[in-house]
């Protein structure tokens, strides 16, 4: 499965199959949430949240690719990501793009 954030793939002609998406909502446990809140007092990278968001993007991307594969797609073009806070310490990540089949 080829994943790109452009609306073309060099040297490939394709037909569009439709929109595909994947999402997840992730949170950290209360202990990590408390330690990260202390970090905001002194500044710096919130590594636990960074790891959480990286994991969430990977899960959302995997789910999007699985949906594309179920349509018989060879690639997903024009991939985009969106995230939103659902509650303190929890975030939703959505990956979406256009599934395509090479011709």
C-alpha atoms as a PDB file:
ATOM      1  CA  UNK A   1       0.000   0.000   0.000  1.00  0.00           C
ATOM      2  CA  UNK A   2       1.437   3.347  -1.070  1.00  0.00           C
ATOM      3  CA  UNK A   3       0.542   6.276   1.196  1.00  0.00           C
ATOM      4  CA  UNK A   4       1.172   9.846   0.011  1.00  0.00           C
ATOM      5  CA  UNK A   5      -0.001  13.321   0.937  1.00  0.00           C
ATOM      6  CA  UNK A   6       0.018  14.502  -2.694  1.00  0.00           C
ATOM      7  CA  UNK A   7      -2.848  14.105  -5.148  1.00  0.00           C
ATOM      8  CA  UNK A   8      -0.671  12.138  -7.597  1.00  0.00           C
ATOM      9  CA  UNK A   9       1.935   9.374  -7.662  1.00  0.00           C
ATOM     10  CA  UNK A  10       4.674   9.870 -10.249  1.00  0.00           C
ATOM     11  CA  UNK A  11       4.378   7.454 -13.157  1.00  0.00           C
ATOM     12  CA  UNK A  12       1.041   6.005 -12.002  1.00  0.00           C
ATOM     13  CA  UNK A  13      -2.413   6.367 -13.463  1.00  0.00           C
ATOM     14  CA  UNK A  14      -5.273   5.483 -11.179  1.00  0.00           C
ATOM     15  CA  UNK A  15      -8.994   5.529 -10.631  1.00  0.00           C
ATOM     16  CA  UNK A  16     -10.435   6.924  -7.425  1.00  0.00           C
ATOM     17  CA  UNK A  17     -12.349   4.508  -5.230  1.00  0.00           C
ATOM     18  CA  UNK A  18     -13.475   6.926  -2.548  1.00  0.00           C
ATOM     19  CA  UNK A  19     -12.751   8.466   0.814  1.00  0.00           C
ATOM     20  CA  UNK A  20     -11.192   6.252   3.475  1.00  0.00           C
ATOM     21  CA  UNK A  21     -10.540   7.117   7.078  1.00  0.00           C
ATOM     22  CA  UNK A  22      -9.283   5.752  10.344  1.00  0.00           C
ATOM     23  CA  UNK A  23      -9.531   7.158  13.836  1.00  0.00           C
ATOM     24  CA  UNK A  24      -8.718   6.485  17.454  1.00  0.00           C
ATOM     25  CA  UNK A  25      -9.076   8.173  20.811  1.00  0.00           C
ATOM     26  CA  UNK A  26      -6.081   7.820  23.106  1.00  0.00           C
ATOM     27  CA  UNK A  27      -5.425   8.826  26.693  1.00  0.00           C
ATOM     28  CA  UNK A  28      -2.685   8.467  29.262  1.00  0.00           C
ATOM     29  CA  UNK A  29      -3.231   6.957  32.686  1.00  0.00           C
ATOM     30  CA  UNK A  30      -3.860   9.275  35.612  1.00  0.00           C
ATOM     31  CA  UNK A  31      -0.307   8.873  36.960  1.00  0.00           C
ATOM     32  CA  UNK A  32       1.212  10.013  33.682  1.00  0.00           C
ATOM     33  CA  UNK A  33      -1.339  12.810  33.420  1.00  0.00           C
ATOM     34  CA  UNK A  34      -0.306  14.160  36.819  1.00  0.00           C
ATOM     35  CA  UNK A  35       3.435  13.983  36.062  1.00  0.00           C
ATOM     36  CA  UNK A  36       2.886  15.744  32.737  1.00  0.00           C
ATOM     37  CA  UNK A  37       0.890  18.506  34.436  1.00  0.00           C
ATOM     38  CA  UNK A  38       3.917  19.189  36.689  1.00  0.00           C
ATOM     39  CA  UNK A  39       6.051  19.488  33.551  1.00  0.00           C
ATOM     40  CA  UNK A  40       3.886  22.401  32.373  1.00  0.00           C
ATOM     41  CA  UNK A  41       5.086  24.383  35.401  1.00  0.00           C
ATOM     42  CA  UNK A  42       8.726  24.311  34.312  1.00  0.00           C
ATOM     43  CA  UNK A  43       8.279  23.973  30.551  1.00  0.00           C
ATOM     44  CA  UNK A  44       9.721  21.535  28.065  1.00  0.00           C
ATOM     45  CA  UNK A  45       8.525  18.672  25.925  1.00  0.00           C
ATOM     46  CA  UNK A  46       5.658  16.561  27.245  1.00  0.00           C
ATOM     47  CA  UNK A  47       7.156  13.252  26.151  1.00  0.00           C
ATOM     48  CA  UNK A  48       4.300  11.063  27.387  1.00  0.00           C
ATOM     49  CA  UNK A  49       1.799  13.047  25.326  1.00  0.00           C
ATOM     50  CA  UNK A  50       4.136  13.070  22.343  1.00  0.00           C
ATOM     51  CA  UNK A  51       4.321   9.265  22.516  1.00  0.00           C
ATOM     52  CA  UNK A  52       0.546   9.083  22.885  1.00  0.00           C
ATOM     53  CA  UNK A  53      -0.025  11.200  19.760  1.00  0.00           C
ATOM     54  CA  UNK A  54       2.542   9.246  17.721  1.00  0.00           C
ATOM     55  CA  UNK A  55       0.815   6.002  18.704  1.00  0.00           C
ATOM     56  CA  UNK A  56      -2.591   7.477  17.878  1.00  0.00           C
ATOM     57  CA  UNK A  57      -1.445   8.598  14.402  1.00  0.00           C
ATOM     58  CA  UNK A  58      -0.019   5.134  13.714  1.00  0.00           C
ATOM     59  CA  UNK A  59      -3.277   3.426  14.740  1.00  0.00           C
ATOM     60  CA  UNK A  60      -5.406   5.844  12.695  1.00  0.00           C
ATOM     61  CA  UNK A  61      -3.154   5.354   9.649  1.00  0.00           C
ATOM     62  CA  UNK A  62      -3.338   1.561   9.979  1.00  0.00           C
ATOM     63  CA  UNK A  63      -7.138   1.638  10.197  1.00  0.00           C
ATOM     64  CA  UNK A  64      -7.347   3.916   7.164  1.00  0.00           C
ATOM     65  CA  UNK A  65      -5.092   1.564   5.154  1.00  0.00           C
ATOM     66  CA  UNK A  66      -7.183  -1.449   6.206  1.00  0.00           C
ATOM     67  CA  UNK A  67     -10.336   0.293   4.954  1.00  0.00           C
ATOM     68  CA  UNK A  68      -8.597   1.060   1.647  1.00  0.00           C
ATOM     69  CA  UNK A  69      -7.451  -2.561   1.294  1.00  0.00           C
ATOM     70  CA  UNK A  70     -11.037  -3.735   1.788  1.00  0.00           C
ATOM     71  CA  UNK A  71     -11.958  -1.637  -1.268  1.00  0.00           C
ATOM     72  CA  UNK A  72      -9.157  -3.215  -3.318  1.00  0.00           C
ATOM     73  CA  UNK A  73      -7.021  -0.071  -3.317  1.00  0.00           C
ATOM     74  CA  UNK A  74      -3.358   0.016  -4.290  1.00  0.00           C
ATOM     75  CA  UNK A  75      -2.667   3.369  -2.666  1.00  0.00           C
ATOM     76  CA  UNK A  76      -4.096   6.272  -0.700  1.00  0.00           C
ATOM     77  CA  UNK A  77      -3.467   9.786  -1.992  1.00  0.00           C
ATOM     78  CA  UNK A  78      -3.988  13.209  -0.457  1.00  0.00           C
ATOM     79  CA  UNK A  79      -3.672  11.898   3.116  1.00  0.00           C
ATOM     80  CA  UNK A  80      -4.488  14.347   5.885  1.00  0.00           C
ATOM     81  CA  UNK A  81      -4.539  14.165   9.680  1.00  0.00           C
ATOM     82  CA  UNK A  82      -6.700  15.968  12.161  1.00  0.00           C
ATOM     83  CA  UNK A  83      -6.730  15.878  15.944  1.00  0.00           C
ATOM     84  CA  UNK A  84      -8.919  17.247  18.677  1.00  0.00           C
ATOM     85  CA  UNK A  85      -8.940  17.158  22.451  1.00  0.00           C
ATOM     86  CA  UNK A  86     -11.828  15.044  23.676  1.00  0.00           C
ATOM     87  CA  UNK A  87     -11.166  15.747  27.354  1.00  0.00           C
ATOM     88  CA  UNK A  88      -8.127  16.635  29.441  1.00  0.00           C
ATOM     89  CA  UNK A  89      -5.427  14.077  28.682  1.00  0.00           C
ATOM     90  CA  UNK A  90      -7.312  12.434  25.786  1.00  0.00           C
ATOM     91  CA  UNK A  91      -7.205  13.183  22.080  1.00  0.00           C
ATOM     92  CA  UNK A  92      -8.887  11.924  18.941  1.00  0.00           C
ATOM     93  CA  UNK A  93      -6.789  11.516  15.811  1.00  0.00           C
ATOM     94  CA  UNK A  94      -8.349  11.052  12.381  1.00  0.00           C
ATOM     95  CA  UNK A  95      -6.448  10.071   9.231  1.00  0.00           C
ATOM     96  CA  UNK A  96      -8.241  10.376   5.897  1.00  0.00           C
ATOM     97  CA  UNK A  97      -7.466  10.280   2.214  1.00  0.00           C
ATOM     98  CA  UNK A  98      -8.614   9.006  -1.170  1.00  0.00           C
ATOM     99  CA  UNK A  99      -8.265   5.310  -1.951  1.00  0.00           C
ATOM    100  CA  UNK A 100      -7.112   4.635  -5.516  1.00  0.00           C
ATOM    101  CA  UNK A 101      -6.530   1.617  -7.767  1.00  0.00           C
ATOM    102  CA  UNK A 102      -3.834   1.644 -10.425  1.00  0.00           C
ATOM    103  CA  UNK A 103      -4.922   1.268 -14.063  1.00  0.00           C
END
